[in-house]
Amino acid sequence: MKHMRTVNDVMTHAVVSLDLAAPVHDIVATMRRWGFGSLPVLSPEGRVAGVVSEADLLAKAEGTDASHTVTAAQLMTVPPVTVPKDASIAGAARLMARGHFKRLPVVDGGGRLVGVVSRGDLLKIYLRPDEDIAEELRELFMTRLIPSGTATVRIHVDHGVVRLDGDVSDPALVGVLPRIARSVPGVVDVSSGLHSKVTA
């Protein structure tokens, strides 16, 4: 299974969006049909020009029959808050938490819409199979951090909780490996029974 590291790994690729000329009636109908509280508004080139939310509709169209005269271009919030598709899952989570966003448009390097990421999408990392997490840790430890033949590290994962046991020749790895393990998406907690083979 693919390791989940970036927004591109967890986002929803099929996106519902609006064009700049969409009237209020169509915006509301689209939101109700799909159950979304906000929608990205696209320029003719497919770039995210803004975002229209339920709050925008209530604040700017309140008390008027604007269903055919006010458009998404007039209602949308600009500049839009977006997240790059190669952003880390942790970085996207921090951005959503700071801005109290439930969903964010995901863009490519040219600012074009390629998906949408929600809070629920970001939580997918905690549904990773234990063996997938263990495989990533083995690959990370044995191919990048531990010289061949210098350590015996056993990795056990149970519902995202990692247990590391074994002996390492470099005393620094006793502290480093658990810290690295905690950074792997899907890891909930880490306990360590690692020991250094170096004796005084």
Protein backbone atom coordinates (compact mmCIF):
# COMPACT_ATOMS: atom_id res chain seq x y z
CA MET A 1 0.00 0.00 0.00
CA LYS A 2 1.23 3.49 -0.80
CA HIS A 3 2.65 5.46 2.10
CA MET A 4 0.42 8.44 2.91
CA ARG A 5 2.61 11.51 3.24
CA THR A 6 1.06 14.38 1.31
CA VAL A 7 -2.33 15.95 0.71
CA ASN A 8 -2.35 14.35 -2.75
CA ASP A 9 -2.43 10.91 -1.08
CA VAL A 10 -5.67 11.53 0.84
CA MET A 11 -7.60 14.27 -0.99
CA THR A 12 -10.84 13.82 -2.91
CA HIS A 13 -10.07 14.12 -6.62
CA ALA A 14 -13.63 14.53 -7.88
CA VAL A 15 -14.45 18.16 -7.11
CA VAL A 16 -17.66 20.16 -7.28
CA SER A 17 -16.92 23.77 -8.21
CA LEU A 18 -18.55 26.97 -9.47
CA ASP A 19 -17.73 29.33 -12.28
CA LEU A 20 -17.49 33.06 -11.75
CA ALA A 21 -20.89 33.77 -13.31
CA ALA A 22 -22.88 31.26 -11.23
CA PRO A 23 -25.97 33.02 -9.72
CA VAL A 24 -27.03 32.64 -6.11
CA HIS A 25 -29.84 30.23 -6.99
CA ASP A 26 -27.40 27.83 -8.66
CA ILE A 27 -24.88 28.16 -5.84
CA VAL A 28 -27.45 27.27 -3.19
CA ALA A 29 -28.84 24.42 -5.28
CA THR A 30 -25.35 22.97 -5.77
CA MET A 31 -24.54 23.22 -2.06
CA ARG A 32 -27.79 21.49 -1.11
CA ARG A 33 -27.37 18.77 -3.73
CA TRP A 34 -23.88 17.79 -2.60
CA GLY A 35 -24.12 18.74 1.07
CA PHE A 36 -21.17 21.14 1.03
CA GLY A 37 -20.99 24.34 3.07
CA SER A 38 -18.44 25.95 0.76
CA LEU A 39 -17.41 25.63 -2.88
CA PRO A 40 -14.34 26.78 -4.84
CA VAL A 41 -14.91 29.27 -7.65
CA LEU A 42 -12.80 28.75 -10.76
CA SER A 43 -11.44 31.16 -13.33
CA PRO A 44 -11.80 30.18 -17.01
CA GLU A 45 -8.26 28.73 -16.77
CA GLY A 46 -9.24 26.40 -13.93
CA ARG A 47 -7.45 28.35 -11.20
CA VAL A 48 -9.11 28.87 -7.83
CA ALA A 49 -10.27 32.49 -7.88
CA GLY A 50 -12.14 32.39 -4.58
CA VAL A 51 -14.39 30.37 -2.31
CA VAL A 52 -18.11 30.86 -1.66
CA SER A 53 -19.40 29.67 1.70
CA GLU A 54 -22.80 29.59 3.33
CA ALA A 55 -21.60 32.49 5.49
CA ASP A 56 -20.85 34.52 2.33
CA LEU A 57 -24.35 33.86 1.04
CA LEU A 58 -25.98 34.89 4.30
CA ALA A 59 -23.86 38.01 4.77
CA LYS A 60 -23.96 39.40 1.25
CA ALA A 61 -27.35 38.35 -0.07
CA GLU A 62 -29.40 38.77 3.10
CA GLY A 63 -32.74 40.49 2.67
CA THR A 64 -32.59 40.71 -1.12
CA ASP A 65 -33.96 38.68 -3.96
CA ALA A 66 -30.57 38.35 -5.54
CA SER A 67 -30.88 34.83 -6.87
CA HIS A 68 -30.39 35.86 -10.51
CA THR A 69 -28.40 39.09 -10.18
CA VAL A 70 -25.62 38.34 -7.70
CA THR A 71 -22.91 35.97 -8.91
CA ALA A 72 -20.20 33.83 -7.36
CA ALA A 73 -17.64 36.45 -8.46
CA GLN A 74 -19.37 39.02 -6.24
CA LEU A 75 -19.96 36.71 -3.29
CA MET A 76 -16.69 34.80 -3.08
CA THR A 77 -14.02 35.35 -0.47
CA VAL A 78 -10.69 36.42 -1.94
CA PRO A 79 -7.89 35.63 -1.86
CA PRO A 80 -8.83 31.98 -1.41
CA VAL A 81 -7.05 29.82 1.15
CA THR A 82 -5.72 26.80 -0.71
CA VAL A 83 -3.22 24.04 -0.01
CA PRO A 84 -0.64 22.62 -2.47
CA LYS A 85 -1.13 18.99 -3.43
CA ASP A 86 2.40 18.17 -2.26
CA ALA A 87 1.88 19.75 1.18
CA SER A 88 2.40 17.42 4.11
CA ILE A 89 -0.68 16.03 5.85
CA ALA A 90 0.51 17.57 9.11
CA GLY A 91 0.95 20.98 7.44
CA ALA A 92 -2.54 20.87 5.95
CA ALA A 93 -3.97 19.90 9.33
CA ARG A 94 -2.28 22.88 10.98
CA LEU A 95 -3.61 25.23 8.29
CA MET A 96 -7.15 23.92 8.71
CA ALA A 97 -6.96 24.17 12.48
CA ARG A 98 -5.65 27.74 12.45
CA GLY A 99 -8.33 28.94 10.05
CA HIS A 100 -11.13 26.71 11.40
CA PHE A 101 -11.65 25.31 7.90
CA LYS A 102 -13.59 22.11 7.27
CA ARG A 103 -12.47 21.78 3.64
CA LEU A 104 -9.74 23.35 1.52
CA PRO A 105 -9.23 23.46 -2.26
CA VAL A 106 -6.07 21.64 -3.36
CA VAL A 107 -4.04 23.20 -6.16
CA ASP A 108 -1.14 22.26 -8.40
CA GLY A 109 1.93 24.39 -9.00
CA GLY A 110 0.00 26.65 -11.36
CA GLY A 111 -2.84 27.31 -8.93
CA ARG A 112 -5.27 25.05 -10.81
CA LEU A 113 -7.78 23.05 -8.80
CA VAL A 114 -6.90 19.34 -8.57
CA GLY A 115 -8.94 18.26 -5.55
CA VAL A 116 -10.41 19.11 -2.18
CA VAL A 117 -9.18 17.96 1.22
CA SER A 118 -11.45 17.73 4.25
CA ARG A 119 -10.82 17.06 7.91
CA GLY A 120 -12.11 13.55 7.34
CA ASP A 121 -9.59 13.03 4.52
CA LEU A 122 -6.73 13.99 6.82
CA LEU A 123 -7.90 11.46 9.39
CA LYS A 124 -7.49 8.64 6.85
CA ILE A 125 -3.89 8.23 7.98
CA TYR A 126 -5.18 6.72 11.22
CA LEU A 127 -6.89 3.96 9.25
CA ARG A 128 -3.61 2.68 7.80
CA PRO A 129 -3.12 -1.06 8.29
CA ASP A 130 -0.60 -1.91 10.99
CA GLU A 131 1.48 -3.93 8.55
CA ASP A 132 1.68 -0.91 6.22
CA ILE A 133 3.08 1.20 9.07
CA ALA A 134 5.51 -1.56 10.08
CA GLU A 135 6.68 -1.93 6.48
CA GLU A 136 7.38 1.79 6.20
CA LEU A 137 9.30 1.78 9.48
CA ARG A 138 11.41 -1.22 8.41
CA GLU A 139 12.19 0.46 5.11
CA LEU A 140 13.02 3.74 6.81
CA PHE A 141 15.20 2.25 9.52
CA MET A 142 17.07 -0.41 7.58
CA THR A 143 17.71 1.43 4.33
CA ARG A 144 18.33 4.96 5.60
CA LEU A 145 19.23 5.06 9.27
CA ILE A 146 20.89 1.83 10.34
CA PRO A 147 24.07 0.56 8.64
CA SER A 148 23.74 -3.06 7.54
CA GLY A 149 24.48 -5.57 10.29
CA THR A 150 24.84 -3.01 13.07
CA ALA A 151 21.45 -3.43 14.71
CA THR A 152 18.62 -5.84 15.36
CA VAL A 153 15.38 -3.90 15.64
CA ARG A 154 12.03 -5.62 16.03
CA ILE A 155 8.97 -3.59 15.09
CA HIS A 156 5.51 -4.45 16.34
CA VAL A 157 2.45 -2.33 15.48
CA ASP A 158 -0.97 -2.77 17.07
CA HIS A 159 -3.74 -0.33 16.12
CA GLY A 160 -1.16 2.32 15.26
CA VAL A 161 0.80 1.89 18.49
CA VAL A 162 4.44 1.04 17.71
CA ARG A 163 6.72 -1.02 19.94
CA LEU A 164 10.45 -1.06 19.15
CA ASP A 165 12.75 -3.67 20.67
CA GLY A 166 16.30 -4.78 20.02
CA ASP A 167 19.94 -3.76 20.16
CA VAL A 168 21.69 -1.00 18.22
CA SER A 169 25.41 -0.29 18.01
CA ASP A 170 25.02 3.49 17.95
CA PRO A 171 23.72 4.77 21.33
CA ALA A 172 22.19 7.83 19.64
CA LEU A 173 19.75 5.59 17.77
CA VAL A 174 18.10 4.56 21.04
CA GLY A 175 16.53 8.01 21.17
CA VAL A 176 16.44 8.81 17.46
CA LEU A 177 14.47 5.80 16.21
CA PRO A 178 11.41 6.37 18.47
CA ARG A 179 11.33 10.04 17.44
CA ILE A 180 11.44 9.08 13.77
CA ALA A 181 8.71 6.49 14.31
CA ARG A 182 6.41 9.13 15.83
CA SER A 183 6.69 11.19 12.63
CA VAL A 184 5.32 8.41 10.41
CA PRO A 185 1.70 9.05 9.36
CA GLY A 186 -0.72 6.76 11.14
CA VAL A 187 1.45 6.22 14.22
CA VAL A 188 -0.56 6.95 17.36
CA ASP A 189 2.12 6.29 19.99
CA VAL A 190 5.58 4.72 20.33
CA SER A 191 7.15 2.73 23.15
CA SER A 192 10.75 1.61 23.08
CA GLY A 193 12.72 -1.26 24.52
CA LEU A 194 15.82 -0.47 22.45
CA HIS A 195 19.25 -0.88 24.01
CA SER A 196 22.74 0.05 22.95
CA LYS A 197 25.18 -2.80 22.38
CA VAL A 198 28.01 -0.52 23.40
CA THR A 199 29.19 -1.32 26.91
CA ALA A 200 31.44 0.73 29.16
